[in-house]
Amino acid sequence: MAGNNPQPLIPALVAWQTGDLAKSIERAPERPETNAFQRLHTPLDAGPQPPPEADQQWYLEMLGFPGQYPFTRGVQPTMYRSRFWTMRQYAGYGTAAEANERFKYLLSQGQTGLSVAFDLATQIGYDSDDPLAAGEVGQAGVAIDSLADMEAMLEGIPLDKVSISMTINAPASVLLAMVIAAGEKRGVPANKLTGTIQNDILKEYVARGTYIFPPGPSVRLAADTIAYCAREVPRWNAISVSGYHIRDAGSTAAQEMGFAVANAMAYMDAVLARGVAIDDFAGRISWIFNTQNNFFEEAAKYRALRRLWATILKEQYGARKPASMTLRTHIQTGGATLTAQQPLNNIARAAFQALASVLGGIQSMALSCYDEALALPTEEAQATALRTQQIIAHEIGATEVIDPLAGSYYVESLTDALEAEARGLIAKIQDLGGSVKAIESGWMQQQIADSAWRAQQAIESGEQVIVGVNAYQTPDEERPVGIFRPDPQTYRTQHVRLETLKTTRDHAAVQAALAKLRQTAQAPAGPDSNLMPPILDAVRAYATLGEICGVLRQEWGEYEPPTVI
């Protein structure tokens, strides 16, 4: 066929322009200021002569056009020419009312979506009045004990217009149920809600540690949530598979890719076992990755991830819908790259990381704030992080041309190399029996620990320069004085609020709902024993997070990790 058409790129480009591109522009017109720029560059724009036929075929197979398989150049035909990425800032602290004030402030400053941080007690399924929660209530995020707290946190926020992302994993289904119930009480049905729960428990075992139950039951809970959302909450991303925490724990970029995708495959296999077709849920798998300091590697990483995911979904899982094959990702700039020394340097680090992410074609972003190595970010730091995104969007010419790094010898070779290394890691995990087995044996944790050790050795030896840490130090440096400190009264306020709830709710309704949840948890996993309906009923009755997770703790036990050296 190639011999019949020595210039295959030209008709393919025309077909894209008159097909997918034209339809996309009709739905979402491009910004007027982009008219002065050529939308997309291809090998046809390089050099005085058309590239050889073999080069054109390589382009069509490995890069293609934005919005088309294998999505190397982007998931939308116009990318940022029509619409910028969603600009978020990760926020939340203290009580639900305090977090609500912060969210309203961020929305007033131009933020286009919420990204909620929960305190440690909430993340591991304990109520604020539990002795194990002492000292943690409202400290690293907002304390949410019940539907009453969720209602207070979302008060005045238009749930049918604002996308809500929640960084929550082990009890993700419970927090999602609270959002659904809060929406119901305000007349916003579940099918109108938009947002994301992280719900990626596997990476907790290898990188972060906020797990509750053993891996098997945890994957069941995550898969039940995905299957439920596919039917009842179709605009919600029921899982955000995370490479972010894997990378912050010390992995390489390729390990971040390979381990995250392998974990996603474990979730997909579990959902398929519930009788849900791949094209009915894969399009709502979202992602969060971690952009660090190697600028070109990070931009190439997102291009490689899209191609890797698309080919796996098409070739291994038989997906037919383009949406099922598109890797849509949120990113957070690298928290582990922030330094307590000379913290204002972190503004530059986050800006370069954000620019690499945009050049890589991401869909949503939050910047780690310059003071986060010291404490929760101040409002000034949050505003600076948001303004950094807005400067990239509007001022520096990075958003008018789609995938401007394509065709770079360096970037394309990095893209290919990262994809190949990630594929090798996925194959190794499959040989071990899949992600759950690789985690239970400690293999995945050991790989990350080894990479983290090598990186730390490079810093301590001076081979890797960290400005302000092991080079260019400032003698007698003083720490900034504007450090955010949560109110120590939060614990007492939350404790009183929770005590009032427990004395005024319908106790019989709570006990009946928890008994139904226990009965469902005792049944074998499957399409007829989905845990989301009884969790939602318990939330509606104002059962607390700790009570709901307590039932599952009693039935499933708690996870004891293997030793990793």
Protein backbone atom coordinates (compact mmCIF):
# COMPACT_ATOMS: atom_id res chain seq x y z
CA MET A 1 0.00 0.00 0.00
CA ALA A 2 2.89 2.32 0.80
CA GLY A 3 4.18 1.93 -2.77
CA ASN A 4 0.86 3.18 -4.13
CA ASN A 5 1.12 6.38 -2.12
CA PRO A 6 4.68 7.71 -1.67
CA GLN A 7 3.36 10.67 0.37
CA PRO A 8 0.98 9.04 2.91
CA LEU A 9 1.21 11.89 5.41
CA ILE A 10 -0.54 14.44 3.18
CA PRO A 11 -3.92 12.65 2.79
CA ALA A 12 -3.82 11.61 6.44
CA LEU A 13 -3.31 15.23 7.51
CA VAL A 14 -6.16 16.39 5.29
CA ALA A 15 -8.45 13.67 6.67
CA TRP A 16 -7.65 14.77 10.23
CA GLN A 17 -8.24 18.43 9.40
CA THR A 18 -11.59 17.83 7.72
CA GLY A 19 -12.71 15.16 10.18
CA ASP A 20 -11.80 15.09 13.87
CA LEU A 21 -10.32 18.58 13.93
CA ALA A 22 -13.30 20.25 12.23
CA LYS A 23 -15.75 18.51 14.58
CA SER A 24 -13.70 19.52 17.60
CA ILE A 25 -13.56 23.18 16.58
CA GLU A 26 -17.31 23.17 16.00
CA ARG A 27 -17.82 21.95 19.58
CA ALA A 28 -15.12 24.16 21.16
CA PRO A 29 -13.80 27.02 19.00
CA GLU A 30 -10.15 27.89 19.28
CA ARG A 31 -9.07 31.02 21.16
CA PRO A 32 -8.81 34.03 18.79
CA GLU A 33 -5.20 34.74 19.78
CA THR A 34 -4.14 31.36 18.37
CA ASN A 35 -5.02 32.39 14.81
CA ALA A 36 -1.57 33.90 14.26
CA PHE A 37 0.09 30.50 14.81
CA GLN A 38 0.19 27.33 12.75
CA ARG A 39 -1.84 24.83 14.70
CA LEU A 40 0.27 21.71 14.21
CA HIS A 41 3.70 21.00 12.76
CA THR A 42 4.63 17.70 11.09
CA PRO A 43 7.62 16.37 9.14
CA LEU A 44 6.16 18.15 6.12
CA ASP A 45 7.27 21.46 7.70
CA ALA A 46 10.92 20.44 8.13
CA GLY A 47 13.39 20.87 5.26
CA PRO A 48 13.00 21.83 1.61
CA GLN A 49 11.94 18.34 0.45
CA PRO A 50 9.15 16.06 1.70
CA PRO A 51 10.51 13.43 4.09
CA PRO A 52 11.02 9.88 2.83
CA GLU A 53 8.00 7.61 2.75
CA ALA A 54 9.40 5.45 5.56
CA ASP A 55 9.70 8.51 7.82
CA GLN A 56 6.11 9.48 7.06
CA GLN A 57 4.89 5.98 7.87
CA TRP A 58 6.81 6.07 11.16
CA TYR A 59 5.17 9.37 11.99
CA LEU A 60 1.67 8.05 11.30
CA GLU A 61 2.18 4.88 13.34
CA MET A 62 4.10 6.29 16.33
CA LEU A 63 2.89 9.90 16.61
CA GLY A 64 -0.24 10.45 14.56
CA PHE A 65 -2.46 13.46 15.09
CA PRO A 66 -3.84 15.00 18.28
CA GLY A 67 -7.07 13.33 19.34
CA GLN A 68 -6.30 10.18 17.34
CA TYR A 69 -4.74 6.83 18.21
CA PRO A 70 -2.06 6.38 19.55
CA PHE A 71 -2.55 9.86 21.11
CA THR A 72 1.17 10.58 21.39
CA ARG A 73 0.55 14.20 20.41
CA GLY A 74 -2.42 14.78 22.70
CA VAL A 75 -5.89 13.56 23.63
CA GLN A 76 -7.81 16.45 22.02
CA PRO A 77 -7.54 17.64 18.38
CA THR A 78 -6.99 21.28 19.40
CA MET A 79 -5.43 20.79 22.84
CA TYR A 80 -4.89 24.13 24.60
CA ARG A 81 -5.87 26.21 21.56
CA SER A 82 -9.52 25.68 22.56
CA ARG A 83 -9.29 25.16 26.30
CA PHE A 84 -6.54 25.33 28.88
CA TRP A 85 -5.90 22.54 31.32
CA THR A 86 -7.92 22.61 34.56
CA MET A 87 -6.04 24.74 37.06
CA ARG A 88 -6.28 23.37 40.57
CA GLN A 89 -4.50 23.89 43.85
CA TYR A 90 -4.37 21.12 46.42
CA ALA A 91 -6.01 22.57 49.52
CA GLY A 92 -7.93 21.79 52.67
CA TYR A 93 -7.22 22.05 56.37
CA GLY A 94 -8.87 22.26 59.75
CA THR A 95 -12.63 21.93 59.93
CA ALA A 96 -15.01 21.63 57.01
CA ALA A 97 -16.04 25.27 57.47
CA GLU A 98 -12.42 26.47 57.31
CA ALA A 99 -11.75 24.40 54.18
CA ASN A 100 -14.91 25.82 52.61
CA GLU A 101 -13.56 29.35 53.10
CA ARG A 102 -10.25 28.40 51.44
CA PHE A 103 -12.00 26.77 48.48
CA LYS A 104 -14.19 29.81 47.89
CA TYR A 105 -11.08 32.03 47.99
CA LEU A 106 -9.29 29.87 45.42
CA LEU A 107 -12.32 29.83 43.12
CA SER A 108 -12.52 33.63 43.37
CA GLN A 109 -8.88 33.83 42.23
CA GLY A 110 -9.56 31.98 38.99
CA GLN A 111 -9.05 28.37 39.99
CA THR A 112 -11.30 26.16 37.85
CA GLY A 113 -11.57 23.05 40.00
CA LEU A 114 -11.15 21.93 43.60
CA SER A 115 -8.49 19.49 44.78
CA VAL A 116 -9.19 18.40 48.35
CA ALA A 117 -6.61 17.34 50.93
CA PHE A 118 -7.87 15.29 53.88
CA ASP A 119 -6.24 14.95 57.27
CA LEU A 120 -4.45 11.75 58.18
CA ALA A 121 -7.26 10.43 60.37
CA THR A 122 -9.72 10.71 57.49
CA GLN A 123 -7.26 9.07 55.09
CA ILE A 124 -7.02 5.96 57.23
CA GLY A 125 -10.67 5.75 58.21
CA TYR A 126 -10.75 7.04 61.79
CA ASP A 127 -13.17 9.54 63.28
CA SER A 128 -11.79 12.67 64.86
CA ASP A 129 -12.74 11.46 68.34
CA ASP A 130 -10.78 8.23 68.00
CA PRO A 131 -7.73 8.12 70.30
CA LEU A 132 -5.58 7.19 67.30
CA ALA A 133 -6.55 10.49 65.65
CA ALA A 134 -5.20 12.66 68.47
CA GLY A 135 -2.76 15.27 67.18
CA GLU A 136 -3.74 14.75 63.53
CA VAL A 137 -7.23 16.24 63.29
CA GLY A 138 -7.25 18.97 60.64
CA GLN A 139 -3.46 19.17 60.52
CA ALA A 140 -2.51 17.91 57.03
CA GLY A 141 -5.91 18.45 55.47
CA VAL A 142 -9.57 18.80 56.30
CA ALA A 143 -11.27 16.53 58.84
CA ILE A 144 -14.37 14.83 57.41
CA ASP A 145 -16.21 12.50 59.79
CA SER A 146 -19.70 12.35 58.29
CA LEU A 147 -22.11 13.63 55.68
CA ALA A 148 -22.65 16.68 57.91
CA ASP A 149 -19.00 17.65 57.44
CA MET A 150 -19.14 17.09 53.69
CA GLU A 151 -22.22 19.30 53.47
CA ALA A 152 -20.40 22.05 55.37
CA MET A 153 -17.27 21.75 53.21
CA LEU A 154 -19.26 22.05 49.98
CA GLU A 155 -21.69 24.74 51.18
CA GLY A 156 -22.20 27.41 48.53
CA ILE A 157 -20.09 25.57 45.92
CA PRO A 158 -22.07 24.77 42.73
CA LEU A 159 -21.76 20.99 42.57
CA ASP A 160 -23.14 20.85 39.02
CA LYS A 161 -20.48 23.29 37.77
CA VAL A 162 -17.28 22.77 39.79
CA SER A 163 -15.19 19.63 39.37
CA ILE A 164 -14.10 18.18 42.72
CA SER A 165 -10.95 16.07 42.98
CA MET A 166 -10.40 14.24 46.26
CA THR A 167 -7.08 12.72 47.26
CA ILE A 168 -8.48 9.79 49.21
CA ASN A 169 -7.79 6.09 48.82
CA ALA A 170 -8.63 3.44 51.41
CA PRO A 171 -11.99 5.09 52.32
CA ALA A 172 -12.53 6.64 48.86
CA SER A 173 -15.90 4.97 48.39
CA VAL A 174 -17.16 6.51 51.63
CA LEU A 175 -16.09 10.05 50.72
CA LEU A 176 -17.62 9.68 47.25
CA ALA A 177 -20.86 8.48 48.86
CA MET A 178 -20.82 11.64 50.99
CA VAL A 179 -20.52 13.84 47.89
CA ILE A 180 -23.36 11.93 46.20
CA ALA A 181 -25.58 12.28 49.28
CA ALA A 182 -24.72 15.98 49.65
CA GLY A 183 -25.66 16.50 46.01
CA GLU A 184 -28.95 14.67 46.47
CA LYS A 185 -29.91 16.95 49.36
CA ARG A 186 -29.22 20.00 47.18
CA GLY A 187 -31.11 18.69 44.15
CA VAL A 188 -28.02 17.73 42.13
CA PRO A 189 -28.39 14.10 41.00
CA ALA A 190 -25.42 11.77 40.87
CA ASN A 191 -25.35 11.78 37.08
CA LYS A 192 -24.64 15.54 37.11
CA LEU A 193 -21.65 15.39 39.45
CA THR A 194 -18.16 15.80 38.00
CA GLY A 195 -14.93 15.05 39.76
CA THR A 196 -12.42 12.43 40.73
CA ILE A 197 -11.56 10.23 43.67
CA GLN A 198 -8.06 8.87 43.74
CA ASN A 199 -9.20 5.40 44.91
CA ASP A 200 -5.81 3.91 43.94
CA ILE A 201 -5.06 1.73 46.94
CA LEU A 202 -2.28 -0.32 45.36
CA LYS A 203 0.16 2.57 45.28
CA GLU A 204 -0.46 3.09 49.01
CA TYR A 205 1.19 -0.26 49.74
CA VAL A 206 4.27 0.60 47.69
CA ALA A 207 4.73 4.31 48.24
CA ARG A 208 2.53 6.21 50.65
CA GLY A 209 1.20 4.06 53.47
CA THR A 210 -2.39 5.23 54.05
CA TYR A 211 -3.87 1.77 53.59
CA ILE A 212 -6.30 0.00 55.89
CA PHE A 213 -7.26 -3.42 54.56
CA PRO A 214 -5.18 -6.14 52.85
CA PRO A 215 -4.68 -5.75 49.07
CA GLY A 216 -7.31 -8.25 47.98
CA PRO A 217 -10.31 -6.70 49.77
CA SER A 218 -9.00 -3.22 48.97
CA VAL A 219 -9.00 -3.96 45.24
CA ARG A 220 -12.52 -5.34 45.62
CA LEU A 221 -13.68 -2.07 47.18
CA ALA A 222 -11.98 0.01 44.48
CA ALA A 223 -13.43 -2.14 41.70
CA ASP A 224 -16.94 -2.02 43.20
CA THR A 225 -16.70 1.78 43.22
CA ILE A 226 -15.60 1.90 39.58
CA ALA A 227 -18.39 -0.46 38.52
CA TYR A 228 -21.00 1.54 40.47
CA CYS A 229 -19.89 4.84 38.94
CA ALA A 230 -20.01 3.37 35.44
CA ARG A 231 -23.75 2.91 35.95
CA GLU A 232 -24.81 5.65 38.37
CA VAL A 233 -22.23 8.48 38.33
CA PRO A 234 -21.09 8.46 34.69
CA ARG A 235 -19.36 11.87 34.70
CA TRP A 236 -17.22 11.02 37.74
CA ASN A 237 -13.73 9.57 37.45
CA ALA A 238 -14.01 6.65 39.85
CA ILE A 239 -10.26 6.14 40.02
CA SER A 240 -7.21 8.28 39.50
CA VAL A 241 -4.33 5.87 39.12
CA SER A 242 -1.29 7.42 40.71
CA GLY A 243 2.28 7.47 39.58
CA TYR A 244 2.72 10.61 41.66
CA HIS A 245 3.37 8.98 45.02
CA ILE A 246 5.48 6.23 43.46
CA ARG A 247 7.75 8.95 42.05
CA ASP A 248 7.80 10.99 45.26
CA ALA A 249 8.86 7.82 47.10
CA GLY A 250 11.99 7.71 44.95
CA SER A 251 11.21 5.81 41.75
CA THR A 252 12.58 6.66 38.33
CA ALA A 253 10.33 8.13 35.64
CA ALA A 254 10.09 4.75 33.89
CA GLN A 255 9.19 2.99 37.15
CA GLU A 256 6.53 5.61 37.81
CA MET A 257 5.04 4.81 34.41
CA GLY A 258 5.35 1.02 34.53
CA PHE A 259 4.16 0.49 38.08
CA ALA A 260 1.17 2.83 37.69
CA VAL A 261 0.02 1.19 34.45
CA ALA A 262 0.46 -2.30 35.94
CA ASN A 263 -1.70 -1.25 38.89
CA ALA A 264 -4.33 0.09 36.50
CA MET A 265 -4.42 -3.27 34.76
CA ALA A 266 -5.13 -4.97 38.10
CA TYR A 267 -8.13 -2.68 38.65
CA MET A 268 -9.40 -3.23 35.11
CA ASP A 269 -9.20 -6.99 35.48
CA ALA A 270 -11.21 -6.77 38.71
CA VAL A 271 -13.90 -4.58 37.14
CA LEU A 272 -14.14 -6.85 34.09
CA ALA A 273 -14.72 -9.76 36.48
CA ARG A 274 -17.84 -7.90 37.66
CA GLY A 275 -19.30 -8.12 34.17
CA VAL A 276 -18.64 -4.50 33.15
CA ALA A 277 -17.40 -4.14 29.56
CA ILE A 278 -14.08 -2.37 29.06
CA ASP A 279 -15.62 0.42 26.98
CA ASP A 280 -18.17 1.08 29.73
CA PHE A 281 -15.59 2.23 32.28
CA ALA A 282 -12.10 2.65 30.80
CA GLY A 283 -12.90 6.14 29.54
CA ARG A 284 -13.37 7.26 33.16
CA ILE A 285 -10.00 6.04 34.40
CA SER A 286 -7.99 9.15 35.16
CA TRP A 287 -4.41 9.56 36.32
CA ILE A 288 -2.12 11.64 38.46
CA PHE A 289 1.60 11.84 37.77
CA ASN A 290 4.52 13.67 39.25
CA THR A 291 6.56 16.16 37.25
CA GLN A 292 10.09 16.57 38.52
CA ASN A 293 13.19 18.45 37.41
CA ASN A 294 14.48 16.67 34.28
CA PHE A 295 12.64 18.97 31.90
CA PHE A 296 12.82 17.01 28.62
CA GLU A 297 12.38 13.62 30.26
CA GLU A 298 9.21 14.81 31.96
CA ALA A 299 7.72 16.22 28.75
CA ALA A 300 8.57 12.99 26.93
CA LYS A 301 7.08 10.92 29.77
CA TYR A 302 3.55 12.14 29.13
CA ARG A 303 3.84 11.55 25.40
CA ALA A 304 5.11 8.02 26.05
CA LEU A 305 2.40 7.32 28.61
CA ARG A 306 -0.39 8.16 26.18
CA ARG A 307 1.01 5.84 23.52
CA LEU A 308 1.70 3.06 26.03
CA TRP A 309 -1.82 3.19 27.47
CA ALA A 310 -3.53 3.41 24.09
CA THR A 311 -1.78 0.37 22.69
CA ILE A 312 -2.40 -1.72 25.84
CA LEU A 313 -6.11 -0.88 25.84
CA LYS A 314 -6.50 -1.60 22.15
CA GLU A 315 -4.27 -4.65 21.77
CA GLN A 316 -4.63 -6.39 25.15
CA TYR A 317 -8.09 -5.36 26.32
CA GLY A 318 -9.89 -5.01 23.00
CA ALA A 319 -11.15 -1.48 23.64
CA ARG A 320 -12.97 0.00 20.66
CA LYS A 321 -13.93 3.50 21.80
CA PRO A 322 -11.22 6.14 21.39
CA ALA A 323 -12.16 7.55 24.82
CA SER A 324 -11.25 4.22 26.40
CA MET A 325 -7.72 4.50 25.01
CA THR A 326 -7.00 8.09 26.02
CA LEU A 327 -4.80 8.68 29.03
CA ARG A 328 -6.10 11.87 30.66
CA THR A 329 -3.91 13.01 33.49
CA HIS A 330 -3.74 15.48 36.31
CA ILE A 331 -0.25 16.35 37.47
CA GLN A 332 1.20 17.81 40.59
CA THR A 333 4.66 19.28 40.46
CA GLY A 334 7.19 17.28 42.45
CA GLY A 335 6.69 17.58 46.18
CA ALA A 336 9.89 15.65 46.86
CA THR A 337 11.89 18.22 44.87
CA LEU A 338 10.91 21.05 47.23
CA THR A 339 13.60 22.22 49.62
CA ALA A 340 13.32 23.78 53.08
CA GLN A 341 16.56 25.61 52.34
CA GLN A 342 16.08 28.77 50.23
CA PRO A 343 12.38 27.96 49.75
CA LEU A 344 11.78 30.73 47.22
CA ASN A 345 13.86 28.63 44.79
CA ASN A 346 10.88 26.27 44.76
CA ILE A 347 8.92 28.83 42.73
CA ALA A 348 11.39 28.36 39.87
CA ARG A 349 11.38 24.59 40.25
CA ALA A 350 7.59 24.42 40.09
CA ALA A 351 7.45 26.78 37.11
CA PHE A 352 9.83 24.67 35.02
CA GLN A 353 8.03 21.49 36.06
CA ALA A 354 4.70 23.04 35.11
CA LEU A 355 6.02 24.12 31.71
CA ALA A 356 7.35 20.61 31.04
CA SER A 357 3.91 19.25 31.89
CA VAL A 358 2.17 21.63 29.48
CA LEU A 359 4.62 20.76 26.71
CA GLY A 360 3.86 17.11 27.50
CA GLY A 361 0.13 17.68 27.00
CA ILE A 362 -1.50 17.17 30.40
CA GLN A 363 -5.17 17.93 31.23
CA SER A 364 -5.15 19.21 34.81
CA MET A 365 -2.48 20.63 37.08
CA ALA A 366 -1.69 21.76 40.60
CA LEU A 367 1.64 23.22 41.67
CA SER A 368 3.32 22.26 44.91
CA CYS A 369 3.74 25.57 46.72
CA TYR A 370 7.11 27.05 47.58
CA ASP A 371 6.60 26.76 51.36
CA GLU A 372 5.32 23.17 51.46
CA ALA A 373 8.66 21.79 52.64
CA LEU A 374 8.04 23.80 55.81
CA ALA A 375 4.30 23.65 56.47
CA LEU A 376 0.89 23.73 54.81
CA PRO A 377 0.96 26.46 52.15
CA THR A 378 -0.05 30.00 52.95
CA GLU A 379 -2.61 31.86 50.85
CA GLU A 380 0.26 33.85 49.32
CA ALA A 381 2.02 30.67 48.26
CA GLN A 382 -1.20 29.22 46.86
CA ALA A 383 -1.82 32.39 44.86
CA THR A 384 1.75 32.38 43.51
CA ALA A 385 1.34 28.78 42.36
CA LEU A 386 -1.92 29.58 40.59
CA ARG A 387 -0.46 32.69 38.96
CA THR A 388 2.43 30.57 37.67
CA GLN A 389 -0.04 28.42 35.76
CA GLN A 390 -1.82 31.48 34.41
CA ILE A 391 1.47 33.00 33.19
CA ILE A 392 2.28 29.79 31.32
CA ALA A 393 -1.22 29.76 29.82
CA HIS A 394 -1.31 33.37 28.68
CA GLU A 395 2.12 34.96 28.45
CA ILE A 396 4.91 32.76 27.11
CA GLY A 397 3.56 31.26 23.89
CA ALA A 398 3.46 27.66 25.08
CA THR A 399 -0.23 27.02 24.38
CA GLU A 400 -0.78 28.24 20.83
CA VAL A 401 0.93 25.32 19.05
CA ILE A 402 0.07 21.67 19.69
CA ASP A 403 2.91 19.41 20.90
CA PRO A 404 5.72 21.82 19.93
CA LEU A 405 8.49 19.39 20.98
CA ALA A 406 7.43 16.69 18.50
CA GLY A 407 10.12 15.79 16.01
CA SER A 408 12.99 16.69 18.33
CA TYR A 409 15.60 13.96 18.00
CA TYR A 410 16.15 14.09 21.75
CA VAL A 411 12.50 14.16 22.81
CA GLU A 412 11.43 11.41 20.42
CA SER A 413 14.28 9.16 21.53
CA LEU A 414 13.40 9.81 25.18
CA THR A 415 9.74 9.05 24.43
CA ASP A 416 10.66 5.72 22.83
CA ALA A 417 13.12 4.77 25.57
CA LEU A 418 10.73 5.53 28.42
CA GLU A 419 7.93 3.57 26.77
CA ALA A 420 10.21 0.57 26.19
CA GLU A 421 11.50 0.54 29.77
CA ALA A 422 8.00 0.86 31.20
CA ARG A 423 6.81 -2.04 29.01
CA GLY A 424 9.63 -4.18 30.36
CA LEU A 425 8.62 -3.45 33.95
CA ILE A 426 4.96 -4.24 33.21
CA ALA A 427 5.99 -7.57 31.66
CA LYS A 428 8.05 -8.39 34.77
CA ILE A 429 5.08 -7.63 37.04
CA GLN A 430 2.82 -9.83 34.92
CA ASP A 431 5.39 -12.64 35.23
CA LEU A 432 5.20 -12.24 39.02
CA GLY A 433 1.42 -12.72 38.88
CA GLY A 434 0.29 -9.10 38.62
CA SER A 435 0.51 -6.04 40.83
CA VAL A 436 -1.09 -7.55 43.94
CA LYS A 437 1.44 -10.40 43.97
CA ALA A 438 4.33 -8.04 43.21
CA ILE A 439 3.28 -5.88 46.16
CA GLU A 440 2.59 -8.72 48.60
CA SER A 441 6.06 -10.13 47.90
CA GLY A 442 7.68 -6.71 48.41
CA TRP A 443 9.23 -6.73 44.93
CA MET A 444 7.74 -3.42 43.79
CA GLN A 445 8.59 -1.71 47.08
CA GLN A 446 12.18 -2.94 46.85
CA GLN A 447 12.61 -1.57 43.32
CA ILE A 448 11.51 1.88 44.49
CA ALA A 449 13.67 1.73 47.61
CA ASP A 450 16.73 0.86 45.52
CA SER A 451 16.11 3.78 43.15
CA ALA A 452 15.59 6.16 46.07
CA TRP A 453 18.86 5.04 47.65
CA ARG A 454 20.79 5.62 44.42
CA ALA A 455 19.28 9.10 44.05
CA GLN A 456 20.13 10.03 47.64
CA GLN A 457 23.69 8.78 47.21
CA ALA A 458 24.09 11.04 44.17
CA ILE A 459 22.93 14.05 46.21
CA GLU A 460 25.14 13.28 49.19
CA SER A 461 28.21 12.77 46.99
CA GLY A 462 27.55 16.02 45.13
CA GLU A 463 27.13 14.21 41.80
CA GLN A 464 23.59 15.63 41.67
CA VAL A 465 23.56 19.33 42.55
CA ILE A 466 20.55 20.63 44.49
CA VAL A 467 20.78 24.41 44.58
CA GLY A 468 20.71 25.72 48.12
CA VAL A 469 21.11 22.24 49.64
CA ASN A 470 24.47 20.78 48.61
CA ALA A 471 25.68 23.78 46.59
CA TYR A 472 25.20 27.55 46.60
CA GLN A 473 24.15 27.56 50.26
CA THR A 474 23.40 30.81 52.03
CA PRO A 475 25.26 31.13 55.36
CA ASP A 476 23.06 31.83 58.38
CA GLU A 477 19.91 31.51 56.31
CA GLU A 478 16.72 32.51 58.13
CA ARG A 479 13.50 30.62 57.59
CA PRO A 480 10.49 32.61 56.33
CA VAL A 481 8.25 33.97 59.03
CA GLY A 482 4.95 33.60 57.14
CA ILE A 483 4.41 29.92 57.85
CA PHE A 484 0.86 28.63 58.01
CA ARG A 485 -0.10 26.95 61.28
CA PRO A 486 -3.47 25.18 61.76
CA ASP A 487 -5.59 26.22 64.69
CA PRO A 488 -4.96 23.89 67.67
CA GLN A 489 -8.62 24.41 68.59
CA THR A 490 -9.62 22.30 65.56
CA TYR A 491 -9.54 19.02 67.47
CA ARG A 492 -11.87 20.31 70.20
CA THR A 493 -14.23 21.93 67.68
CA GLN A 494 -14.47 18.78 65.61
CA HIS A 495 -14.88 16.60 68.68
CA VAL A 496 -17.87 18.62 69.88
CA ARG A 497 -19.41 18.65 66.41
CA LEU A 498 -19.09 14.87 66.13
CA GLU A 499 -20.52 14.29 69.61
CA THR A 500 -23.56 16.41 68.74
CA LEU A 501 -24.12 14.44 65.52
CA LYS A 502 -24.00 11.10 67.31
CA THR A 503 -26.57 12.17 69.88
CA THR A 504 -29.07 13.66 67.42
CA ARG A 505 -29.12 11.20 64.51
CA ASP A 506 -31.45 8.18 64.11
CA HIS A 507 -29.47 5.51 65.94
CA ALA A 508 -31.64 2.62 64.70
CA ALA A 509 -31.22 3.70 61.07
CA VAL A 510 -27.44 3.85 61.52
CA GLN A 511 -27.28 0.36 63.01
CA ALA A 512 -29.50 -1.11 60.30
CA ALA A 513 -27.37 0.43 57.55
CA LEU A 514 -24.13 -0.82 59.12
CA ALA A 515 -25.61 -4.32 59.49
CA LYS A 516 -26.45 -4.36 55.76
CA LEU A 517 -22.92 -3.24 54.95
CA ARG A 518 -21.49 -6.05 57.07
CA GLN A 519 -23.69 -8.61 55.31
CA THR A 520 -22.53 -7.40 51.89
CA ALA A 521 -18.86 -7.42 52.92
CA GLN A 522 -19.20 -11.04 54.05
CA ALA A 523 -20.49 -12.10 50.62
CA PRO A 524 -18.01 -13.07 47.88
CA ALA A 525 -16.99 -10.27 45.53
CA GLY A 526 -19.13 -10.07 42.41
CA PRO A 527 -21.74 -8.06 40.51
CA ASP A 528 -24.46 -8.94 43.07
CA SER A 529 -22.48 -7.85 46.14
CA ASN A 530 -21.34 -4.34 45.23
CA LEU A 531 -20.40 -2.46 48.39
CA MET A 532 -21.30 1.04 47.19
CA PRO A 533 -25.11 0.86 47.72
CA PRO A 534 -24.86 -0.14 51.43
CA ILE A 535 -22.07 2.41 51.99
CA LEU A 536 -24.26 5.12 50.46
CA ASP A 537 -27.21 4.08 52.65
CA ALA A 538 -24.98 4.26 55.74
CA VAL A 539 -23.76 7.72 54.76
CA ARG A 540 -27.34 8.94 54.23
CA ALA A 541 -28.15 7.76 57.77
CA TYR A 542 -25.18 9.85 59.03
CA ALA A 543 -23.06 6.87 59.99
CA THR A 544 -19.52 8.16 60.44
CA LEU A 545 -16.46 7.38 58.40
CA GLY A 546 -14.94 5.53 61.36
CA GLU A 547 -18.06 3.42 61.88
CA ILE A 548 -18.25 2.41 58.22
CA CYS A 549 -14.54 1.60 57.97
CA GLY A 550 -14.77 -0.11 61.37
CA VAL A 551 -17.25 -2.65 59.98
CA LEU A 552 -14.90 -3.44 57.10
CA ARG A 553 -11.90 -3.64 59.46
CA GLN A 554 -13.73 -6.25 61.50
CA GLU A 555 -14.56 -8.30 58.41
CA TRP A 556 -11.32 -7.97 56.44
CA GLY A 557 -8.62 -7.19 58.98
CA GLU A 558 -5.76 -4.73 58.56
CA TYR A 559 -2.70 -4.97 56.34
CA GLU A 560 0.74 -5.85 57.69
CA PRO A 561 3.46 -4.84 55.18
CA PRO A 562 6.50 -6.96 54.31
CA THR A 563 9.95 -5.78 55.38
CA VAL A 564 11.85 -3.87 52.69
CA ILE A 565 15.51 -3.00 53.26
